[in-house]
Amino acid sequence: MFKKTREALKNKIRSAAIFLKTAICNKRADGYVDSGVKILIAVVIGALLLSGLYTLFNSVILPTVTTKVTGLFSYSGH
């Protein structure tokens, strides 16, 4: 009975060692850090783009449109 338990324990240790060696030698770059950095870069670039568009609209486009529309509606008819 002790011999069976000892063999079962050896097999479990071997399989755990093989699993550990495979996990250590794995060279795939599918880490969570990669994905997190990519998402963070995308969010930062998106925020910069939106703030630039917001500034452009408020400082250049809307004042120009407002003056042109006001000029169209203030036609005196002469």
PDB file of N, CA and C in Angstrom:
ATOM      1  N   MET A   1       0.829  -1.197   0.000  1.00  0.00           N
ATOM      2  CA  MET A   1       0.000   0.000   0.000  1.00  0.00           C
ATOM      3  C   MET A   1       0.876   1.264   0.000  1.00  0.00           C
ATOM      4  N   PHE A   2       1.935   1.240   0.760  1.00  0.00           N
ATOM      5  CA  PHE A   2       2.839   2.389   0.832  1.00  0.00           C
ATOM      6  C   PHE A   2       3.531   2.623  -0.511  1.00  0.00           C
ATOM      7  N   LYS A   3       3.801   1.528  -1.239  1.00  0.00           N
ATOM      8  CA  LYS A   3       4.474   1.625  -2.529  1.00  0.00           C
ATOM      9  C   LYS A   3       3.581   2.351  -3.546  1.00  0.00           C
ATOM     10  N   LYS A   4       2.274   2.090  -3.551  1.00  0.00           N
ATOM     11  CA  LYS A   4       1.338   2.750  -4.469  1.00  0.00           C
ATOM     12  C   LYS A   4       1.237   4.233  -4.159  1.00  0.00           C
ATOM     13  N   THR A   5       1.200   4.568  -2.902  1.00  0.00           N
ATOM     14  CA  THR A   5       1.113   5.971  -2.494  1.00  0.00           C
ATOM     15  C   THR A   5       2.377   6.717  -2.896  1.00  0.00           C
ATOM     16  N   ARG A   6       3.508   6.044  -2.724  1.00  0.00           N
ATOM     17  CA  ARG A   6       4.775   6.657  -3.087  1.00  0.00           C
ATOM     18  C   ARG A   6       4.860   6.882  -4.600  1.00  0.00           C
ATOM     19  N   GLU A   7       4.421   5.934  -5.402  1.00  0.00           N
ATOM     20  CA  GLU A   7       4.429   6.087  -6.855  1.00  0.00           C
ATOM     21  C   GLU A   7       3.468   7.196  -7.296  1.00  0.00           C
ATOM     22  N   ALA A   8       2.314   7.262  -6.672  1.00  0.00           N
ATOM     23  CA  ALA A   8       1.352   8.315  -7.007  1.00  0.00           C
ATOM     24  C   ALA A   8       1.924   9.691  -6.682  1.00  0.00           C
ATOM     25  N   LEU A   9       2.607   9.784  -5.558  1.00  0.00           N
ATOM     26  CA  LEU A   9       3.236  11.049  -5.174  1.00  0.00           C
ATOM     27  C   LEU A   9       4.353  11.422  -6.143  1.00  0.00           C
ATOM     28  N   LYS A  10       5.154  10.441  -6.574  1.00  0.00           N
ATOM     29  CA  LYS A  10       6.198  10.699  -7.556  1.00  0.00           C
ATOM     30  C   LYS A  10       5.606  11.219  -8.866  1.00  0.00           C
ATOM     31  N   ASN A  11       4.532  10.589  -9.312  1.00  0.00           N
ATOM     32  CA  ASN A  11       3.897  11.007 -10.564  1.00  0.00           C
ATOM     33  C   ASN A  11       3.352  12.430 -10.466  1.00  0.00           C
ATOM     34  N   LYS A  12       2.777  12.768  -9.340  1.00  0.00           N
ATOM     35  CA  LYS A  12       2.257  14.131  -9.160  1.00  0.00           C
ATOM     36  C   LYS A  12       3.384  15.149  -9.155  1.00  0.00           C
ATOM     37  N   ILE A  13       4.477  14.819  -8.504  1.00  0.00           N
ATOM     38  CA  ILE A  13       5.620  15.729  -8.462  1.00  0.00           C
ATOM     39  C   ILE A  13       6.213  15.900  -9.854  1.00  0.00           C
ATOM     40  N   ARG A  14       6.341  14.783 -10.608  1.00  0.00           N
ATOM     41  CA  ARG A  14       6.853  14.873 -11.982  1.00  0.00           C
ATOM     42  C   ARG A  14       5.962  15.747 -12.849  1.00  0.00           C
ATOM     43  N   SER A  15       4.655  15.525 -12.769  1.00  0.00           N
ATOM     44  CA  SER A  15       3.748  16.320 -13.613  1.00  0.00           C
ATOM     45  C   SER A  15       3.784  17.796 -13.207  1.00  0.00           C
ATOM     46  N   ALA A  16       3.904  18.086 -11.930  1.00  0.00           N
ATOM     47  CA  ALA A  16       4.011  19.477 -11.488  1.00  0.00           C
ATOM     48  C   ALA A  16       5.312  20.092 -11.981  1.00  0.00           C
ATOM     49  N   ALA A  17       6.403  19.313 -11.974  1.00  0.00           N
ATOM     50  CA  ALA A  17       7.690  19.829 -12.458  1.00  0.00           C
ATOM     51  C   ALA A  17       7.632  20.103 -13.957  1.00  0.00           C
ATOM     52  N   ILE A  18       7.009  19.214 -14.700  1.00  0.00           N
ATOM     53  CA  ILE A  18       6.877  19.419 -16.149  1.00  0.00           C
ATOM     54  C   ILE A  18       6.019  20.652 -16.426  1.00  0.00           C
ATOM     55  N   PHE A  19       4.936  20.792 -15.695  1.00  0.00           N
ATOM     56  CA  PHE A  19       4.061  21.964 -15.866  1.00  0.00           C
ATOM     57  C   PHE A  19       4.819  23.252 -15.555  1.00  0.00           C
ATOM     58  N   LEU A  20       5.598  23.248 -14.489  1.00  0.00           N
ATOM     59  CA  LEU A  20       6.363  24.426 -14.090  1.00  0.00           C
ATOM     60  C   LEU A  20       7.431  24.760 -15.130  1.00  0.00           C
ATOM     61  N   LYS A  21       8.126  23.746 -15.631  1.00  0.00           N
ATOM     62  CA  LYS A  21       9.161  23.971 -16.645  1.00  0.00           C
ATOM     63  C   LYS A  21       8.540  24.540 -17.920  1.00  0.00           C
ATOM     64  N   THR A  22       7.393  24.015 -18.328  1.00  0.00           N
ATOM     65  CA  THR A  22       6.708  24.515 -19.522  1.00  0.00           C
ATOM     66  C   THR A  22       6.280  25.966 -19.328  1.00  0.00           C
ATOM     67  N   ALA A  23       5.779  26.291 -18.160  1.00  0.00           N
ATOM     68  CA  ALA A  23       5.341  27.666 -17.895  1.00  0.00           C
ATOM     69  C   ALA A  23       6.522  28.636 -17.879  1.00  0.00           C
ATOM     70  N   ILE A  24       7.658  28.212 -17.361  1.00  0.00           N
ATOM     71  CA  ILE A  24       8.838  29.087 -17.307  1.00  0.00           C
ATOM     72  C   ILE A  24       9.438  29.292 -18.688  1.00  0.00           C
ATOM     73  N   CYS A  25       9.470  28.242 -19.500  1.00  0.00           N
ATOM     74  CA  CYS A  25      10.086  28.319 -20.829  1.00  0.00           C
ATOM     75  C   CYS A  25       9.171  28.936 -21.875  1.00  0.00           C
ATOM     76  N   ASN A  26       7.950  29.232 -21.529  1.00  0.00           N
ATOM     77  CA  ASN A  26       6.999  29.799 -22.488  1.00  0.00           C
ATOM     78  C   ASN A  26       7.434  31.213 -22.860  1.00  0.00           C
ATOM     79  N   LYS A  27       7.599  31.485 -24.143  1.00  0.00           N
ATOM     80  CA  LYS A  27       8.091  32.782 -24.617  1.00  0.00           C
ATOM     81  C   LYS A  27       6.987  33.631 -25.239  1.00  0.00           C
ATOM     82  N   ARG A  28       5.761  33.243 -25.112  1.00  0.00           N
ATOM     83  CA  ARG A  28       4.666  34.018 -25.696  1.00  0.00           C
ATOM     84  C   ARG A  28       4.493  35.334 -24.946  1.00  0.00           C
ATOM     85  N   ALA A  29       4.132  36.370 -25.684  1.00  0.00           N
ATOM     86  CA  ALA A  29       4.008  37.707 -25.095  1.00  0.00           C
ATOM     87  C   ALA A  29       2.551  38.116 -24.956  1.00  0.00           C
ATOM     88  N   ASP A  30       1.754  37.241 -24.424  1.00  0.00           N
ATOM     89  CA  ASP A  30       0.338  37.551 -24.226  1.00  0.00           C
ATOM     90  C   ASP A  30       0.087  37.932 -22.775  1.00  0.00           C
ATOM     91  N   GLY A  31       0.890  38.820 -22.261  1.00  0.00           N
ATOM     92  CA  GLY A  31       0.750  39.202 -20.864  1.00  0.00           C
ATOM     93  C   GLY A  31      -0.302  40.273 -20.671  1.00  0.00           C
ATOM     94  N   TYR A  32      -0.737  40.424 -19.460  1.00  0.00           N
ATOM     95  CA  TYR A  32      -1.725  41.444 -19.137  1.00  0.00           C
ATOM     96  C   TYR A  32      -1.116  42.837 -19.178  1.00  0.00           C
ATOM     97  N   VAL A  33       0.179  42.929 -18.936  1.00  0.00           N
ATOM     98  CA  VAL A  33       0.847  44.229 -18.933  1.00  0.00           C
ATOM     99  C   VAL A  33       0.851  44.814 -20.342  1.00  0.00           C
ATOM    100  N   ASP A  34       1.116  43.977 -21.352  1.00  0.00           N
ATOM    101  CA  ASP A  34       1.077  44.426 -22.753  1.00  0.00           C
ATOM    102  C   ASP A  34      -0.260  45.054 -23.082  1.00  0.00           C
ATOM    103  N   SER A  35      -1.310  44.304 -22.785  1.00  0.00           N
ATOM    104  CA  SER A  35      -2.650  44.769 -23.120  1.00  0.00           C
ATOM    105  C   SER A  35      -3.000  46.038 -22.350  1.00  0.00           C
ATOM    106  N   GLY A  36      -2.612  46.093 -21.103  1.00  0.00           N
ATOM    107  CA  GLY A  36      -2.894  47.279 -20.297  1.00  0.00           C
ATOM    108  C   GLY A  36      -2.202  48.520 -20.835  1.00  0.00           C
ATOM    109  N   VAL A  37      -0.959  48.370 -21.260  1.00  0.00           N
ATOM    110  CA  VAL A  37      -0.226  49.511 -21.807  1.00  0.00           C
ATOM    111  C   VAL A  37      -0.849  49.963 -23.123  1.00  0.00           C
ATOM    112  N   LYS A  38      -1.247  49.011 -23.969  1.00  0.00           N
ATOM    113  CA  LYS A  38      -1.890  49.368 -25.236  1.00  0.00           C
ATOM    114  C   LYS A  38      -3.189  50.121 -24.999  1.00  0.00           C
ATOM    115  N   ILE A  39      -3.992  49.656 -24.067  1.00  0.00           N
ATOM    116  CA  ILE A  39      -5.256  50.320 -23.769  1.00  0.00           C
ATOM    117  C   ILE A  39      -5.000  51.709 -23.202  1.00  0.00           C
ATOM    118  N   LEU A  40      -4.019  51.833 -22.329  1.00  0.00           N
ATOM    119  CA  LEU A  40      -3.693  53.136 -21.747  1.00  0.00           C
ATOM    120  C   LEU A  40      -3.224  54.117 -22.814  1.00  0.00           C
ATOM    121  N   ILE A  41      -2.402  53.671 -23.741  1.00  0.00           N
ATOM    122  CA  ILE A  41      -1.944  54.540 -24.832  1.00  0.00           C
ATOM    123  C   ILE A  41      -3.120  54.972 -25.693  1.00  0.00           C
ATOM    124  N   ALA A  42      -4.024  54.049 -26.005  1.00  0.00           N
ATOM    125  CA  ALA A  42      -5.191  54.393 -26.821  1.00  0.00           C
ATOM    126  C   ALA A  42      -6.074  55.420 -26.121  1.00  0.00           C
ATOM    127  N   VAL A  43      -6.261  55.277 -24.826  1.00  0.00           N
ATOM    128  CA  VAL A  43      -7.094  56.226 -24.079  1.00  0.00           C
ATOM    129  C   VAL A  43      -6.444  57.608 -24.042  1.00  0.00           C
ATOM    130  N   VAL A  44      -5.137  57.658 -23.833  1.00  0.00           N
ATOM    131  CA  VAL A  44      -4.439  58.945 -23.776  1.00  0.00           C
ATOM    132  C   VAL A  44      -4.482  59.644 -25.133  1.00  0.00           C
ATOM    133  N   ILE A  45      -4.229  58.902 -26.209  1.00  0.00           N
ATOM    134  CA  ILE A  45      -4.281  59.505 -27.541  1.00  0.00           C
ATOM    135  C   ILE A  45      -5.691  59.978 -27.870  1.00  0.00           C
ATOM    136  N   GLY A  46      -6.696  59.204 -27.504  1.00  0.00           N
ATOM    137  CA  GLY A  46      -8.081  59.611 -27.723  1.00  0.00           C
ATOM    138  C   GLY A  46      -8.435  60.874 -26.949  1.00  0.00           C
ATOM    139  N   ALA A  47      -7.981  60.962 -25.712  1.00  0.00           N
ATOM    140  CA  ALA A  47      -8.256  62.150 -24.903  1.00  0.00           C
ATOM    141  C   ALA A  47      -7.579  63.385 -25.487  1.00  0.00           C
ATOM    142  N   LEU A  48      -6.353  63.225 -25.946  1.00  0.00           N
ATOM    143  CA  LEU A  48      -5.650  64.355 -26.572  1.00  0.00           C
ATOM    144  C   LEU A  48      -6.354  64.810 -27.848  1.00  0.00           C
ATOM    145  N   LEU A  49      -6.796  63.861 -28.640  1.00  0.00           N
ATOM    146  CA  LEU A  49      -7.510  64.189 -29.874  1.00  0.00           C
ATOM    147  C   LEU A  49      -8.815  64.917 -29.577  1.00  0.00           C
ATOM    148  N   LEU A  50      -9.564  64.425 -28.606  1.00  0.00           N
ATOM    149  CA  LEU A  50     -10.829  65.087 -28.251  1.00  0.00           C
ATOM    150  C   LEU A  50     -10.607  66.479 -27.673  1.00  0.00           C
ATOM    151  N   SER A  51      -9.585  66.642 -26.852  1.00  0.00           N
ATOM    152  CA  SER A  51      -9.339  67.978 -26.292  1.00  0.00           C
ATOM    153  C   SER A  51      -8.890  68.942 -27.383  1.00  0.00           C
ATOM    154  N   GLY A  52      -8.108  68.463 -28.345  1.00  0.00           N
ATOM    155  CA  GLY A  52      -7.703  69.312 -29.461  1.00  0.00           C
ATOM    156  C   GLY A  52      -8.890  69.740 -30.306  1.00  0.00           C
ATOM    157  N   LEU A  53      -9.790  68.811 -30.582  1.00  0.00           N
ATOM    158  CA  LEU A  53     -10.994  69.163 -31.350  1.00  0.00           C
ATOM    159  C   LEU A  53     -11.882  70.132 -30.580  1.00  0.00           C
ATOM    160  N   TYR A  54     -12.012  69.919 -29.279  1.00  0.00           N
ATOM    161  CA  TYR A  54     -12.823  70.806 -28.445  1.00  0.00           C
ATOM    162  C   TYR A  54     -12.256  72.230 -28.480  1.00  0.00           C
ATOM    163  N   THR A  55     -10.943  72.345 -28.346  1.00  0.00           N
ATOM    164  CA  THR A  55     -10.296  73.657 -28.385  1.00  0.00           C
ATOM    165  C   THR A  55     -10.453  74.299 -29.760  1.00  0.00           C
ATOM    166  N   LEU A  56     -10.296  73.521 -30.799  1.00  0.00           N
ATOM    167  CA  LEU A  56     -10.438  74.032 -32.163  1.00  0.00           C
ATOM    168  C   LEU A  56     -11.850  74.560 -32.401  1.00  0.00           C
ATOM    169  N   PHE A  57     -12.848  73.812 -31.994  1.00  0.00           N
ATOM    170  CA  PHE A  57     -14.222  74.249 -32.190  1.00  0.00           C
ATOM    171  C   PHE A  57     -14.531  75.506 -31.395  1.00  0.00           C
ATOM    172  N   ASN A  58     -14.091  75.554 -30.148  1.00  0.00           N
ATOM    173  CA  ASN A  58     -14.419  76.711 -29.308  1.00  0.00           C
ATOM    174  C   ASN A  58     -13.663  77.972 -29.700  1.00  0.00           C
ATOM    175  N   SER A  59     -12.447  77.838 -30.192  1.00  0.00           N
ATOM    176  CA  SER A  59     -11.659  79.037 -30.459  1.00  0.00           C
ATOM    177  C   SER A  59     -11.718  79.500 -31.911  1.00  0.00           C
ATOM    178  N   VAL A  60     -11.946  78.624 -32.865  1.00  0.00           N
ATOM    179  CA  VAL A  60     -11.863  79.005 -34.274  1.00  0.00           C
ATOM    180  C   VAL A  60     -13.209  78.844 -34.990  1.00  0.00           C
ATOM    181  N   ILE A  61     -13.774  77.680 -34.930  1.00  0.00           N
ATOM    182  CA  ILE A  61     -14.921  77.362 -35.780  1.00  0.00           C
ATOM    183  C   ILE A  61     -16.198  78.052 -35.306  1.00  0.00           C
ATOM    184  N   LEU A  62     -16.542  77.932 -34.038  1.00  0.00           N
ATOM    185  CA  LEU A  62     -17.804  78.516 -33.563  1.00  0.00           C
ATOM    186  C   LEU A  62     -17.838  80.040 -33.651  1.00  0.00           C
ATOM    187  N   PRO A  63     -16.780  80.773 -33.297  1.00  0.00           N
ATOM    188  CA  PRO A  63     -16.847  82.225 -33.473  1.00  0.00           C
ATOM    189  C   PRO A  63     -17.012  82.638 -34.944  1.00  0.00           C
ATOM    190  N   THR A  64     -16.365  81.922 -35.840  1.00  0.00           N
ATOM    191  CA  THR A  64     -16.500  82.234 -37.267  1.00  0.00           C
ATOM    192  C   THR A  64     -17.917  81.973 -37.743  1.00  0.00           C
ATOM    193  N   VAL A  65     -18.477  80.857 -37.354  1.00  0.00           N
ATOM    194  CA  VAL A  65     -19.855  80.531 -37.747  1.00  0.00           C
ATOM    195  C   VAL A  65     -20.813  81.549 -37.151  1.00  0.00           C
ATOM    196  N   THR A  66     -20.607  81.934 -35.922  1.00  0.00           N
ATOM    197  CA  THR A  66     -21.496  82.903 -35.273  1.00  0.00           C
ATOM    198  C   THR A  66     -21.477  84.245 -36.003  1.00  0.00           C
ATOM    199  N   THR A  67     -20.300  84.742 -36.366  1.00  0.00           N
ATOM    200  CA  THR A  67     -20.234  86.027 -37.066  1.00  0.00           C
ATOM    201  C   THR A  67     -20.856  85.933 -38.461  1.00  0.00           C
ATOM    202  N   LYS A  68     -20.663  84.818 -39.144  1.00  0.00           N
ATOM    203  CA  LYS A  68     -21.247  84.677 -40.477  1.00  0.00           C
ATOM    204  C   LYS A  68     -22.764  84.566 -40.418  1.00  0.00           C
ATOM    205  N   VAL A  69     -23.290  83.838 -39.471  1.00  0.00           N
ATOM    206  CA  VAL A  69     -24.752  83.715 -39.336  1.00  0.00           C
ATOM    207  C   VAL A  69     -25.347  85.050 -38.916  1.00  0.00           C
ATOM    208  N   THR A  70     -24.701  85.756 -38.026  1.00  0.00           N
ATOM    209  CA  THR A  70     -25.175  87.080 -37.617  1.00  0.00           C
ATOM    210  C   THR A  70     -25.156  88.037 -38.808  1.00  0.00           C
ATOM    211  N   GLY A  71     -24.130  87.936 -39.623  1.00  0.00           N
ATOM    212  CA  GLY A  71     -24.059  88.761 -40.820  1.00  0.00           C
ATOM    213  C   GLY A  71     -25.165  88.435 -41.811  1.00  0.00           C
ATOM    214  N   LEU A  72     -25.540  87.193 -41.919  1.00  0.00           N
ATOM    215  CA  LEU A  72     -26.626  86.809 -42.835  1.00  0.00           C
ATOM    216  C   LEU A  72     -27.982  87.320 -42.347  1.00  0.00           C
ATOM    217  N   PHE A  73     -28.223  87.271 -41.058  1.00  0.00           N
ATOM    218  CA  PHE A  73     -29.525  87.680 -40.544  1.00  0.00           C
ATOM    219  C   PHE A  73     -29.635  89.183 -40.306  1.00  0.00           C
ATOM    220  N   SER A  74     -28.545  89.890 -40.334  1.00  0.00           N
ATOM    221  CA  SER A  74     -28.627  91.354 -40.146  1.00  0.00           C
ATOM    222  C   SER A  74     -28.625  92.078 -41.491  1.00  0.00           C
ATOM    223  N   TYR A  75     -29.171  91.473 -42.485  1.00  0.00           N
ATOM    224  CA  TYR A  75     -29.260  92.095 -43.821  1.00  0.00           C
ATOM    225  C   TYR A  75     -30.290  93.220 -43.753  1.00  0.00           C
ATOM    226  N   SER A  76     -29.901  94.423 -44.162  1.00  0.00           N
ATOM    227  CA  SER A  76     -30.801  95.568 -44.046  1.00  0.00           C
ATOM    228  C   SER A  76     -31.669  95.768 -45.287  1.00  0.00           C
ATOM    229  N   GLY A  77     -31.372  95.133 -46.371  1.00  0.00           N
ATOM    230  CA  GLY A  77     -32.211  95.221 -47.554  1.00  0.00           C
ATOM    231  C   GLY A  77     -31.879  96.357 -48.484  1.00  0.00           C
ATOM    232  N   HIS A  78     -30.796  97.040 -48.322  1.00  0.00           N
ATOM    233  CA  HIS A  78     -30.455  98.166 -49.191  1.00  0.00           C
ATOM    234  C   HIS A  78     -29.685  97.710 -50.365  1.00  0.00           C
TER     235      HIS A  78
END
